[in-house]
Amino acid sequence: MDEQTQIELEAAAFRALRHHLMQERPDVQNIDMMNLTGFCRNCLSRWYQEAANARGIEMSKDEAREAFYGMTMDEWKAAHQTDATASQQDTFKTAFAENVEKKR
């Protein structure tokens, strides 16, 4: 497979993942994703931002989130986010430390 085809297939897979998370499963909470997988929608938007910045495209965290979510974070939270339980918050502290802070 040539490099351009690989890039196009990877981009298509990313778009399918984004569609699945945003359209098919908006009920799945970010905190549960982070606690189970070590990444969430916010991580995906951060990786998008980092890729843009690496290519000299200035993009803020909020701009990247809006590009990924298709709306502002406030709009997403109002429409889809529920309050996290104490147990979810405790698990998240560990997951965030292991998967995000460690990699910075």
C-alpha atoms as a PDB file:
ATOM      1  CA  MET A   1       0.000   0.000   0.000  1.00  0.00           C
ATOM      2  CA  ASP A   2       1.330   3.429  -0.866  1.00  0.00           C
ATOM      3  CA  GLU A   3       1.692   6.131   1.781  1.00  0.00           C
ATOM      4  CA  GLN A   4      -1.116   8.349   0.451  1.00  0.00           C
ATOM      5  CA  THR A   5      -3.590   5.474   0.512  1.00  0.00           C
ATOM      6  CA  GLN A   6      -2.557   4.646   4.067  1.00  0.00           C
ATOM      7  CA  ILE A   7      -3.115   8.276   5.106  1.00  0.00           C
ATOM      8  CA  GLU A   8      -6.557   8.283   3.472  1.00  0.00           C
ATOM      9  CA  LEU A   9      -7.557   5.026   5.160  1.00  0.00           C
ATOM     10  CA  GLU A  10      -6.360   6.283   8.545  1.00  0.00           C
ATOM     11  CA  ALA A  11      -8.297   9.519   8.041  1.00  0.00           C
ATOM     12  CA  ALA A  12     -11.420   7.549   7.109  1.00  0.00           C
ATOM     13  CA  ALA A  13     -11.036   5.400  10.237  1.00  0.00           C
ATOM     14  CA  PHE A  14     -10.693   8.549  12.377  1.00  0.00           C
ATOM     15  CA  ARG A  15     -13.828  10.037  10.805  1.00  0.00           C
ATOM     16  CA  ALA A  16     -15.714   6.786  11.460  1.00  0.00           C
ATOM     17  CA  LEU A  17     -14.584   6.785  15.115  1.00  0.00           C
ATOM     18  CA  ARG A  18     -15.608  10.424  15.504  1.00  0.00           C
ATOM     19  CA  HIS A  19     -19.003   9.745  13.921  1.00  0.00           C
ATOM     20  CA  HIS A  20     -19.544   6.740  16.158  1.00  0.00           C
ATOM     21  CA  LEU A  21     -18.695   8.658  19.334  1.00  0.00           C
ATOM     22  CA  MET A  22     -20.608  11.800  18.409  1.00  0.00           C
ATOM     23  CA  GLN A  23     -23.633  10.453  16.535  1.00  0.00           C
ATOM     24  CA  GLU A  24     -24.118   6.821  17.494  1.00  0.00           C
ATOM     25  CA  ARG A  25     -22.961   6.880  21.145  1.00  0.00           C
ATOM     26  CA  PRO A  26     -23.180  10.393  22.602  1.00  0.00           C
ATOM     27  CA  ASP A  27     -24.536   8.669  25.719  1.00  0.00           C
ATOM     28  CA  VAL A  28     -21.116   7.240  26.531  1.00  0.00           C
ATOM     29  CA  GLN A  29     -19.554   9.631  29.002  1.00  0.00           C
ATOM     30  CA  ASN A  30     -16.001  10.927  28.520  1.00  0.00           C
ATOM     31  CA  ILE A  31     -15.136  10.033  32.098  1.00  0.00           C
ATOM     32  CA  ASP A  32     -16.138   6.400  31.470  1.00  0.00           C
ATOM     33  CA  MET A  33     -14.076   6.312  28.265  1.00  0.00           C
ATOM     34  CA  MET A  34     -11.035   7.701  30.077  1.00  0.00           C
ATOM     35  CA  ASN A  35     -11.469   5.347  32.999  1.00  0.00           C
ATOM     36  CA  LEU A  36     -11.778   2.277  30.747  1.00  0.00           C
ATOM     37  CA  THR A  37      -9.549   3.102  27.781  1.00  0.00           C
ATOM     38  CA  GLY A  38      -7.191   5.861  28.846  1.00  0.00           C
ATOM     39  CA  PHE A  39      -8.561   8.328  26.276  1.00  0.00           C
ATOM     40  CA  CYS A  40     -11.772  10.192  25.543  1.00  0.00           C
ATOM     41  CA  ARG A  41     -13.261  12.691  23.110  1.00  0.00           C
ATOM     42  CA  ASN A  42     -11.209  15.476  24.693  1.00  0.00           C
ATOM     43  CA  CYS A  43      -8.025  13.480  24.071  1.00  0.00           C
ATOM     44  CA  LEU A  44      -9.003  13.023  20.427  1.00  0.00           C
ATOM     45  CA  SER A  45      -9.587  16.762  20.086  1.00  0.00           C
ATOM     46  CA  ARG A  46      -6.236  17.446  21.796  1.00  0.00           C
ATOM     47  CA  TRP A  47      -4.451  15.104  19.382  1.00  0.00           C
ATOM     48  CA  TYR A  48      -6.172  16.942  16.523  1.00  0.00           C
ATOM     49  CA  GLN A  49      -4.917  20.251  17.943  1.00  0.00           C
ATOM     50  CA  GLU A  50      -1.398  18.884  18.384  1.00  0.00           C
ATOM     51  CA  ALA A  51      -1.347  17.639  14.784  1.00  0.00           C
ATOM     52  CA  ALA A  52      -2.476  21.055  13.549  1.00  0.00           C
ATOM     53  CA  ASN A  53       0.079  22.873  15.684  1.00  0.00           C
ATOM     54  CA  ALA A  54       2.852  20.528  14.490  1.00  0.00           C
ATOM     55  CA  ARG A  55       2.029  21.611  10.947  1.00  0.00           C
ATOM     56  CA  GLY A  56       2.188  25.300  11.828  1.00  0.00           C
ATOM     57  CA  ILE A  57      -1.583  25.744  12.066  1.00  0.00           C
ATOM     58  CA  GLU A  58      -2.473  27.715  15.175  1.00  0.00           C
ATOM     59  CA  MET A  59      -5.394  26.090  16.959  1.00  0.00           C
ATOM     60  CA  SER A  60      -6.492  26.572  20.545  1.00  0.00           C
ATOM     61  CA  LYS A  61      -7.868  23.835  22.773  1.00  0.00           C
ATOM     62  CA  ASP A  62     -11.353  25.318  22.446  1.00  0.00           C
ATOM     63  CA  GLU A  63     -11.072  25.532  18.650  1.00  0.00           C
ATOM     64  CA  ALA A  64      -9.953  21.903  18.466  1.00  0.00           C
ATOM     65  CA  ARG A  65     -12.776  20.766  20.708  1.00  0.00           C
ATOM     66  CA  GLU A  66     -15.325  22.649  18.633  1.00  0.00           C
ATOM     67  CA  ALA A  67     -13.881  21.107  15.456  1.00  0.00           C
ATOM     68  CA  PHE A  68     -14.115  17.616  16.958  1.00  0.00           C
ATOM     69  CA  TYR A  69     -17.426  17.964  18.799  1.00  0.00           C
ATOM     70  CA  GLY A  70     -19.103  20.024  16.091  1.00  0.00           C
ATOM     71  CA  MET A  71     -20.221  22.418  18.836  1.00  0.00           C
ATOM     72  CA  THR A  72     -18.787  24.203  21.837  1.00  0.00           C
ATOM     73  CA  MET A  73     -17.968  22.221  24.965  1.00  0.00           C
ATOM     74  CA  ASP A  74     -20.699  24.092  26.826  1.00  0.00           C
ATOM     75  CA  GLU A  75     -23.237  22.967  24.208  1.00  0.00           C
ATOM     76  CA  TRP A  76     -21.984  19.358  24.378  1.00  0.00           C
ATOM     77  CA  LYS A  77     -22.086  19.287  28.160  1.00  0.00           C
ATOM     78  CA  ALA A  78     -25.602  20.703  28.266  1.00  0.00           C
ATOM     79  CA  ALA A  79     -26.860  18.166  25.735  1.00  0.00           C
ATOM     80  CA  HIS A  80     -24.949  15.014  26.716  1.00  0.00           C
ATOM     81  CA  GLN A  81     -22.875  15.162  29.884  1.00  0.00           C
ATOM     82  CA  THR A  82     -24.135  13.840  33.187  1.00  0.00           C
ATOM     83  CA  ASP A  83     -22.688  14.438  36.641  1.00  0.00           C
ATOM     84  CA  ALA A  84     -19.877  12.060  37.526  1.00  0.00           C
ATOM     85  CA  THR A  85     -20.128   9.959  40.641  1.00  0.00           C
ATOM     86  CA  ALA A  86     -17.491  10.131  43.368  1.00  0.00           C
ATOM     87  CA  SER A  87     -16.261   6.708  42.286  1.00  0.00           C
ATOM     88  CA  GLN A  88     -15.933   7.814  38.648  1.00  0.00           C
ATOM     89  CA  GLN A  89     -14.023  10.914  39.748  1.00  0.00           C
ATOM     90  CA  ASP A  90     -11.620   8.870  41.874  1.00  0.00           C
ATOM     91  CA  THR A  91     -10.942   6.426  39.049  1.00  0.00           C
ATOM     92  CA  PHE A  92     -10.494   9.350  36.644  1.00  0.00           C
ATOM     93  CA  LYS A  93      -7.718  10.887  38.759  1.00  0.00           C
ATOM     94  CA  THR A  94      -5.657   7.738  38.307  1.00  0.00           C
ATOM     95  CA  ALA A  95      -6.529   7.307  34.629  1.00  0.00           C
ATOM     96  CA  PHE A  96      -5.706  10.953  33.860  1.00  0.00           C
ATOM     97  CA  ALA A  97      -2.389  10.775  35.697  1.00  0.00           C
ATOM     98  CA  GLU A  98      -1.402   7.570  33.913  1.00  0.00           C
ATOM     99  CA  ASN A  99      -2.585   8.475  30.433  1.00  0.00           C
ATOM    100  CA  VAL A 100      -2.328  12.228  30.096  1.00  0.00           C
ATOM    101  CA  GLU A 101      -0.029  13.786  32.686  1.00  0.00           C
ATOM    102  CA  LYS A 102       2.628  11.078  32.299  1.00  0.00           C
ATOM    103  CA  LYS A 103       2.875  11.813  28.546  1.00  0.00           C
ATOM    104  CA  ARG A 104       3.349  15.570  28.844  1.00  0.00           C
END
